[in-house]
Amino acid sequence: MVDEDDKPASNFGMKEEHLHSTHPHIQQEQSMEDFFGNSYNLLIEDGWNFSTYVTYDTQDDPEANKLLQEAFGIMTGEIKKFYDQTHAAVMEAYEFLVYKLEKNEDYLEIDSRSGQMLEKSPNFPNALLDQISSSITGFRNEES
């Protein structure tokens, strides 16, 4: 039988207080805000699972996809800056990203090494998926 605390963290959609009570092994949490004022958290768990949970509110704005695509480019730079200030073992352990669009609850989970989609909700914008994937691939190519 698996103890609840021993399961891999599946933090998507959890409130911060709940996250800390159910996953007390989280060592570091850093909040950031991008150019557009959208906030997101970087979580490092045990130095092995490094996930970014991103929440954007589209506010039913027809320009939202364009702004989101621009924001992801800025966010990738912020993640790189965070990498540069973090131990190499954590960088090696970086596993996946989850993006969540707040307004309609659409989400994307993507492999941060390959940029390949792992899972997404049916209505997550494909253009945004392509932008995220190419940003990750470009970032990984810079590392090698």
C-alpha atoms as a PDB file:
ATOM      1  CA  MET A   1       0.000   0.000   0.000  1.00  0.00           C
ATOM      2  CA  VAL A   2       1.357   3.408  -0.973  1.00  0.00           C
ATOM      3  CA  ASP A   3       1.319   6.151   1.606  1.00  0.00           C
ATOM      4  CA  GLU A   4      -0.293   9.333   0.271  1.00  0.00           C
ATOM      5  CA  ASP A   5       2.851  11.371   1.025  1.00  0.00           C
ATOM      6  CA  ASP A   6       5.026   8.948  -0.966  1.00  0.00           C
ATOM      7  CA  LYS A   7       3.124   9.379  -4.219  1.00  0.00           C
ATOM      8  CA  PRO A   8       4.724  11.594  -6.868  1.00  0.00           C
ATOM      9  CA  ALA A   9       3.456  15.132  -6.534  1.00  0.00           C
ATOM     10  CA  SER A  10       0.593  15.974  -8.805  1.00  0.00           C
ATOM     11  CA  ASN A  11       0.192  19.555  -7.709  1.00  0.00           C
ATOM     12  CA  PHE A  12      -1.953  20.825 -10.559  1.00  0.00           C
ATOM     13  CA  GLY A  13      -4.820  22.908  -9.241  1.00  0.00           C
ATOM     14  CA  MET A  14      -3.857  22.699  -5.556  1.00  0.00           C
ATOM     15  CA  LYS A  15      -3.867  25.720  -3.331  1.00  0.00           C
ATOM     16  CA  GLU A  16      -0.475  26.631  -1.884  1.00  0.00           C
ATOM     17  CA  GLU A  17      -1.472  25.826   1.712  1.00  0.00           C
ATOM     18  CA  HIS A  18      -2.790  22.425   0.677  1.00  0.00           C
ATOM     19  CA  LEU A  19       0.326  21.786  -1.382  1.00  0.00           C
ATOM     20  CA  HIS A  20       2.603  22.380   1.597  1.00  0.00           C
ATOM     21  CA  SER A  21       0.492  20.281   3.937  1.00  0.00           C
ATOM     22  CA  THR A  22       0.317  17.314   1.544  1.00  0.00           C
ATOM     23  CA  HIS A  23       3.863  17.606   0.198  1.00  0.00           C
ATOM     24  CA  PRO A  24       6.028  18.857   3.087  1.00  0.00           C
ATOM     25  CA  HIS A  25       9.167  17.761   1.213  1.00  0.00           C
ATOM     26  CA  ILE A  26       9.049  20.834  -1.021  1.00  0.00           C
ATOM     27  CA  GLN A  27      12.355  22.575  -0.427  1.00  0.00           C
ATOM     28  CA  GLN A  28      11.973  25.797  -2.315  1.00  0.00           C
ATOM     29  CA  GLU A  29       9.225  27.814  -3.909  1.00  0.00           C
ATOM     30  CA  GLN A  30       9.822  30.941  -5.915  1.00  0.00           C
ATOM     31  CA  SER A  31       7.101  33.187  -7.284  1.00  0.00           C
ATOM     32  CA  MET A  32       7.735  35.318 -10.321  1.00  0.00           C
ATOM     33  CA  GLU A  33       5.792  37.811 -12.341  1.00  0.00           C
ATOM     34  CA  ASP A  34       6.269  38.229 -16.069  1.00  0.00           C
ATOM     35  CA  PHE A  35       6.157  41.386 -18.143  1.00  0.00           C
ATOM     36  CA  PHE A  36       2.369  41.274 -18.353  1.00  0.00           C
ATOM     37  CA  GLY A  37       1.916  40.937 -14.589  1.00  0.00           C
ATOM     38  CA  ASN A  38       0.963  37.260 -14.738  1.00  0.00           C
ATOM     39  CA  SER A  39       2.315  35.340 -11.781  1.00  0.00           C
ATOM     40  CA  TYR A  40       3.528  31.786 -11.577  1.00  0.00           C
ATOM     41  CA  ASN A  41       5.436  29.560  -9.174  1.00  0.00           C
ATOM     42  CA  LEU A  42       8.563  27.474  -9.564  1.00  0.00           C
ATOM     43  CA  LEU A  43       8.566  24.446  -7.292  1.00  0.00           C
ATOM     44  CA  ILE A  44      11.551  22.231  -6.510  1.00  0.00           C
ATOM     45  CA  GLU A  45      10.764  18.977  -4.762  1.00  0.00           C
ATOM     46  CA  ASP A  46      13.593  16.910  -3.261  1.00  0.00           C
ATOM     47  CA  GLY A  47      15.933  18.239  -5.936  1.00  0.00           C
ATOM     48  CA  TRP A  48      14.362  15.734  -8.336  1.00  0.00           C
ATOM     49  CA  ASN A  49      11.055  17.088  -9.615  1.00  0.00           C
ATOM     50  CA  PHE A  50      11.130  20.665 -10.836  1.00  0.00           C
ATOM     51  CA  SER A  51       7.820  21.879 -12.175  1.00  0.00           C
ATOM     52  CA  THR A  52       6.446  25.231 -13.201  1.00  0.00           C
ATOM     53  CA  TYR A  53       2.771  25.912 -12.737  1.00  0.00           C
ATOM     54  CA  VAL A  54       1.622  28.833 -14.834  1.00  0.00           C
ATOM     55  CA  THR A  55      -1.726  30.553 -14.537  1.00  0.00           C
ATOM     56  CA  TYR A  56      -2.905  33.095 -17.095  1.00  0.00           C
ATOM     57  CA  ASP A  57      -6.271  34.806 -17.195  1.00  0.00           C
ATOM     58  CA  THR A  58      -7.343  35.368 -20.802  1.00  0.00           C
ATOM     59  CA  GLN A  59     -10.294  37.568 -19.768  1.00  0.00           C
ATOM     60  CA  ASP A  60     -12.039  36.569 -23.023  1.00  0.00           C
ATOM     61  CA  ASP A  61      -9.714  38.966 -24.830  1.00  0.00           C
ATOM     62  CA  PRO A  62      -9.267  38.256 -28.573  1.00  0.00           C
ATOM     63  CA  GLU A  63      -5.657  39.448 -28.224  1.00  0.00           C
ATOM     64  CA  ALA A  64      -4.988  37.008 -25.382  1.00  0.00           C
ATOM     65  CA  ASN A  65      -3.286  34.317 -27.469  1.00  0.00           C
ATOM     66  CA  LYS A  66      -0.848  36.839 -28.919  1.00  0.00           C
ATOM     67  CA  LEU A  67      -0.026  38.178 -25.457  1.00  0.00           C
ATOM     68  CA  LEU A  68       0.323  34.669 -24.072  1.00  0.00           C
ATOM     69  CA  GLN A  69       2.757  33.698 -26.807  1.00  0.00           C
ATOM     70  CA  GLU A  70       4.867  36.781 -26.100  1.00  0.00           C
ATOM     71  CA  ALA A  71       4.689  36.127 -22.363  1.00  0.00           C
ATOM     72  CA  PHE A  72       5.966  32.558 -22.738  1.00  0.00           C
ATOM     73  CA  GLY A  73       9.108  33.868 -24.435  1.00  0.00           C
ATOM     74  CA  ILE A  74       9.711  36.155 -21.457  1.00  0.00           C
ATOM     75  CA  MET A  75       8.962  33.340 -19.037  1.00  0.00           C
ATOM     76  CA  THR A  76      11.515  31.060 -20.713  1.00  0.00           C
ATOM     77  CA  GLY A  77      14.153  33.712 -20.044  1.00  0.00           C
ATOM     78  CA  GLU A  78      13.092  33.876 -16.395  1.00  0.00           C
ATOM     79  CA  ILE A  79      13.380  30.098 -16.074  1.00  0.00           C
ATOM     80  CA  LYS A  80      16.868  30.202 -17.627  1.00  0.00           C
ATOM     81  CA  LYS A  81      17.892  32.891 -15.120  1.00  0.00           C
ATOM     82  CA  PHE A  82      16.563  30.689 -12.322  1.00  0.00           C
ATOM     83  CA  TYR A  83      18.516  27.725 -13.722  1.00  0.00           C
ATOM     84  CA  ASP A  84      21.727  29.735 -13.775  1.00  0.00           C
ATOM     85  CA  GLN A  85      21.328  30.426 -10.050  1.00  0.00           C
ATOM     86  CA  THR A  86      20.446  26.841  -9.120  1.00  0.00           C
ATOM     87  CA  HIS A  87      22.532  23.734  -8.465  1.00  0.00           C
ATOM     88  CA  ALA A  88      23.352  21.624 -11.541  1.00  0.00           C
ATOM     89  CA  ALA A  89      21.690  18.524 -10.057  1.00  0.00           C
ATOM     90  CA  VAL A  90      18.377  20.357  -9.948  1.00  0.00           C
ATOM     91  CA  MET A  91      18.840  21.492 -13.541  1.00  0.00           C
ATOM     92  CA  GLU A  92      19.403  17.890 -14.621  1.00  0.00           C
ATOM     93  CA  ALA A  93      16.260  16.811 -12.789  1.00  0.00           C
ATOM     94  CA  TYR A  94      13.927  19.339 -14.443  1.00  0.00           C
ATOM     95  CA  GLU A  95      11.078  17.171 -15.719  1.00  0.00           C
ATOM     96  CA  PHE A  96       7.902  18.839 -16.903  1.00  0.00           C
ATOM     97  CA  LEU A  97       5.861  21.997 -17.158  1.00  0.00           C
ATOM     98  CA  VAL A  98       2.156  22.451 -16.591  1.00  0.00           C
ATOM     99  CA  TYR A  99       0.476  25.498 -18.136  1.00  0.00           C
ATOM    100  CA  LYS A 100      -3.021  26.399 -17.028  1.00  0.00           C
ATOM    101  CA  LEU A 101      -5.304  28.986 -18.627  1.00  0.00           C
ATOM    102  CA  GLU A 102      -7.262  30.293 -15.673  1.00  0.00           C
ATOM    103  CA  LYS A 103     -10.394  31.502 -17.424  1.00  0.00           C
ATOM    104  CA  ASN A 104     -11.466  28.229 -19.035  1.00  0.00           C
ATOM    105  CA  GLU A 105      -9.402  25.718 -17.011  1.00  0.00           C
ATOM    106  CA  ASP A 106      -7.557  24.487 -20.106  1.00  0.00           C
ATOM    107  CA  TYR A 107      -4.134  23.054 -19.388  1.00  0.00           C
ATOM    108  CA  LEU A 108      -1.038  21.579 -21.021  1.00  0.00           C
ATOM    109  CA  GLU A 109       1.595  19.263 -19.552  1.00  0.00           C
ATOM    110  CA  ILE A 110       4.818  19.173 -21.552  1.00  0.00           C
ATOM    111  CA  ASP A 111       8.148  17.333 -21.242  1.00  0.00           C
ATOM    112  CA  SER A 112      10.766  19.961 -20.490  1.00  0.00           C
ATOM    113  CA  ARG A 113      13.624  17.960 -22.001  1.00  0.00           C
ATOM    114  CA  SER A 114      12.090  17.279 -25.408  1.00  0.00           C
ATOM    115  CA  GLY A 115       9.352  19.901 -25.634  1.00  0.00           C
ATOM    116  CA  GLN A 116       6.906  17.090 -26.471  1.00  0.00           C
ATOM    117  CA  MET A 117       3.323  17.310 -25.246  1.00  0.00           C
ATOM    118  CA  LEU A 118       2.481  14.806 -22.500  1.00  0.00           C
ATOM    119  CA  GLU A 119      -1.155  15.731 -21.980  1.00  0.00           C
ATOM    120  CA  LYS A 120      -3.494  18.617 -22.759  1.00  0.00           C
ATOM    121  CA  SER A 121      -7.127  19.493 -22.425  1.00  0.00           C
ATOM    122  CA  PRO A 122      -9.096  19.404 -25.722  1.00  0.00           C
ATOM    123  CA  ASN A 123      -9.447  23.183 -26.043  1.00  0.00           C
ATOM    124  CA  PHE A 124      -5.891  24.238 -25.183  1.00  0.00           C
ATOM    125  CA  PRO A 125      -4.827  26.475 -28.128  1.00  0.00           C
ATOM    126  CA  ASN A 126      -2.598  24.584 -30.601  1.00  0.00           C
ATOM    127  CA  ALA A 127      -0.769  27.785 -31.533  1.00  0.00           C
ATOM    128  CA  LEU A 128       0.195  28.213 -27.904  1.00  0.00           C
ATOM    129  CA  LEU A 129       1.328  24.576 -27.695  1.00  0.00           C
ATOM    130  CA  ASP A 130       3.595  25.115 -30.721  1.00  0.00           C
ATOM    131  CA  GLN A 131       5.058  28.282 -29.196  1.00  0.00           C
ATOM    132  CA  ILE A 132       5.772  26.613 -25.854  1.00  0.00           C
ATOM    133  CA  SER A 133       7.299  23.538 -27.477  1.00  0.00           C
ATOM    134  CA  SER A 134       9.638  25.567 -29.686  1.00  0.00           C
ATOM    135  CA  SER A 135      10.660  27.762 -26.728  1.00  0.00           C
ATOM    136  CA  ILE A 136      11.628  24.691 -24.697  1.00  0.00           C
ATOM    137  CA  THR A 137      13.466  23.087 -27.618  1.00  0.00           C
ATOM    138  CA  GLY A 138      15.401  26.311 -28.231  1.00  0.00           C
ATOM    139  CA  PHE A 139      16.250  26.618 -24.556  1.00  0.00           C
ATOM    140  CA  ARG A 140      17.507  23.021 -24.402  1.00  0.00           C
ATOM    141  CA  ASN A 141      19.629  23.542 -27.538  1.00  0.00           C
ATOM    142  CA  GLU A 142      21.288  26.551 -25.877  1.00  0.00           C
ATOM    143  CA  GLU A 143      22.184  24.364 -22.880  1.00  0.00           C
ATOM    144  CA  SER A 144      24.050  21.747 -24.937  1.00  0.00           C
END
